Amino acid sequence: MRIPKRYGESKIENCPFCSKPSVTKNKQGVPVCQKHKNEELKDLKCICGEFLDVKAGKWGAYFNCLNCGNINFRKGMEMNPQVKLKSKTNENFIKHNNVKEVTITSDDVDFL
């Protein structure tokens, strides 16, 4: 069932890497979160086997296939589920590293 938008409500776009709300765009014009600002969508393939080119237009990002033509961004991402898998493995690698957080207060004069 389609729920219509109310007045003043705008489209909320999510990051294709982590599904968090997007705040900025990367070099390709794809809306992403601040964490994935420097990442790019690479080696995405269409159902026909051709590579997809990322384009940015008036209504947002979309893909272009040489055989099939223009493809909706959502449909292109559904054809390539490995994009989210790659980013999750990178996040898990970062989480498993032993990183110690140090809090410095004004009482710690000897730190510098």
Protein backbone atom coordinates (compact mmCIF):
# COMPACT_ATOMS: atom_id res chain seq x y z
CA MET A 1 0.00 0.00 0.00
CA ARG A 2 1.38 3.39 -0.98
CA ILE A 3 1.25 6.07 1.71
CA PRO A 4 1.24 9.56 0.19
CA LYS A 5 3.61 12.22 1.48
CA ARG A 6 2.23 14.99 3.63
CA TYR A 7 2.88 18.66 2.99
CA GLY A 8 6.43 19.60 3.98
CA GLU A 9 7.68 16.04 3.97
CA SER A 10 10.61 15.34 1.68
CA LYS A 11 12.24 12.22 0.33
CA ILE A 12 14.67 10.58 2.72
CA GLU A 13 17.57 8.92 0.90
CA ASN A 14 19.69 6.27 2.59
CA CYS A 15 23.37 5.48 2.21
CA PRO A 16 23.83 2.48 -0.14
CA PHE A 17 26.69 1.15 2.02
CA CYS A 18 25.14 1.19 5.51
CA SER A 19 21.46 2.21 5.06
CA LYS A 20 21.79 5.22 7.38
CA PRO A 21 20.23 8.53 6.29
CA SER A 22 22.44 10.28 3.76
CA VAL A 23 23.78 13.73 4.48
CA THR A 24 26.16 14.40 1.61
CA LYS A 25 27.10 13.19 -1.85
CA ASN A 26 30.28 11.45 -2.98
CA LYS A 27 32.27 12.19 -6.16
CA GLN A 28 29.81 10.16 -8.26
CA GLY A 29 26.79 12.15 -7.06
CA VAL A 30 25.39 9.30 -4.97
CA PRO A 31 23.85 10.34 -1.62
CA VAL A 32 25.90 8.79 1.21
CA CYS A 33 26.45 9.26 4.93
CA GLN A 34 29.42 11.21 6.27
CA LYS A 35 31.31 7.98 7.05
CA HIS A 36 31.25 6.77 3.41
CA LYS A 37 31.87 10.15 1.78
CA ASN A 38 35.11 9.01 0.11
CA GLU A 39 33.84 5.59 -1.07
CA GLU A 40 32.64 4.94 -4.63
CA LEU A 41 30.39 2.35 -6.23
CA LYS A 42 32.60 0.21 -8.47
CA ASP A 43 32.12 -2.84 -10.69
CA LEU A 44 28.33 -2.90 -10.61
CA LYS A 45 26.77 -5.15 -13.23
CA CYS A 46 23.37 -5.26 -14.88
CA ILE A 47 21.29 -8.42 -15.31
CA CYS A 48 22.41 -8.58 -18.95
CA GLY A 49 26.09 -8.71 -17.85
CA GLU A 50 27.17 -5.18 -18.85
CA PHE A 51 28.71 -2.76 -16.37
CA LEU A 52 26.50 -0.02 -14.93
CA ASP A 53 27.57 3.62 -15.09
CA VAL A 54 26.51 5.83 -12.18
CA LYS A 55 24.85 9.07 -13.28
CA ALA A 56 23.40 11.98 -11.29
CA GLY A 57 20.33 13.72 -12.62
CA LYS A 58 17.60 16.13 -11.65
CA TRP A 59 15.75 13.52 -9.56
CA GLY A 60 18.82 11.88 -8.00
CA ALA A 61 21.30 9.16 -8.88
CA TYR A 62 20.57 6.43 -11.44
CA PHE A 63 22.43 3.84 -13.48
CA ASN A 64 22.98 3.58 -17.22
CA CYS A 65 23.48 0.25 -19.01
CA LEU A 66 24.63 0.12 -22.63
CA ASN A 67 22.11 -2.62 -23.48
CA CYS A 68 19.16 -1.87 -21.18
CA GLY A 69 19.31 1.93 -20.93
CA ASN A 70 18.61 3.90 -17.76
CA ILE A 71 17.90 1.92 -14.59
CA ASN A 72 16.46 3.14 -11.32
CA PHE A 73 19.05 3.51 -8.52
CA ARG A 74 17.13 1.19 -6.19
CA LYS A 75 16.79 -1.53 -8.84
CA GLY A 76 20.48 -1.26 -9.72
CA MET A 77 21.43 -1.70 -6.07
CA GLU A 78 19.12 -4.72 -5.77
CA MET A 79 20.96 -6.32 -8.70
CA ASN A 80 24.26 -5.88 -6.82
CA PRO A 81 23.86 -7.02 -3.19
CA GLN A 82 27.64 -7.39 -2.75
CA VAL A 83 27.98 -3.62 -2.17
CA LYS A 84 26.57 -3.86 1.36
CA LEU A 85 28.56 -7.03 2.06
CA LYS A 86 31.88 -5.33 1.26
CA SER A 87 31.18 -2.40 3.57
CA LYS A 88 30.03 -4.67 6.43
CA THR A 89 33.28 -6.66 6.31
CA ASN A 90 35.27 -3.42 6.47
CA GLU A 91 33.24 -2.21 9.48
CA ASN A 92 33.69 -5.54 11.28
CA PHE A 93 37.44 -5.37 10.68
CA ILE A 94 37.58 -1.90 12.18
CA LYS A 95 35.41 -2.89 15.17
CA HIS A 96 37.62 -5.88 16.07
CA ASN A 97 40.81 -3.81 16.28
CA ASN A 98 41.71 -2.94 19.86
CA VAL A 99 41.31 0.80 19.99
CA LYS A 100 41.65 2.53 23.33
CA GLU A 101 39.79 5.78 23.83
CA VAL A 102 41.66 8.42 25.82
CA THR A 103 39.80 11.33 27.41
CA ILE A 104 41.87 14.39 28.19
CA THR A 105 40.67 16.90 30.77
CA SER A 106 42.08 20.21 31.90
CA ASP A 107 43.66 18.43 34.90
CA ASP A 108 46.01 16.49 32.56
CA VAL A 109 48.76 19.08 32.14
CA ASP A 110 51.51 16.51 31.59
CA PHE A 111 49.88 15.07 28.48
CA LEU A 112 51.66 17.38 26.03
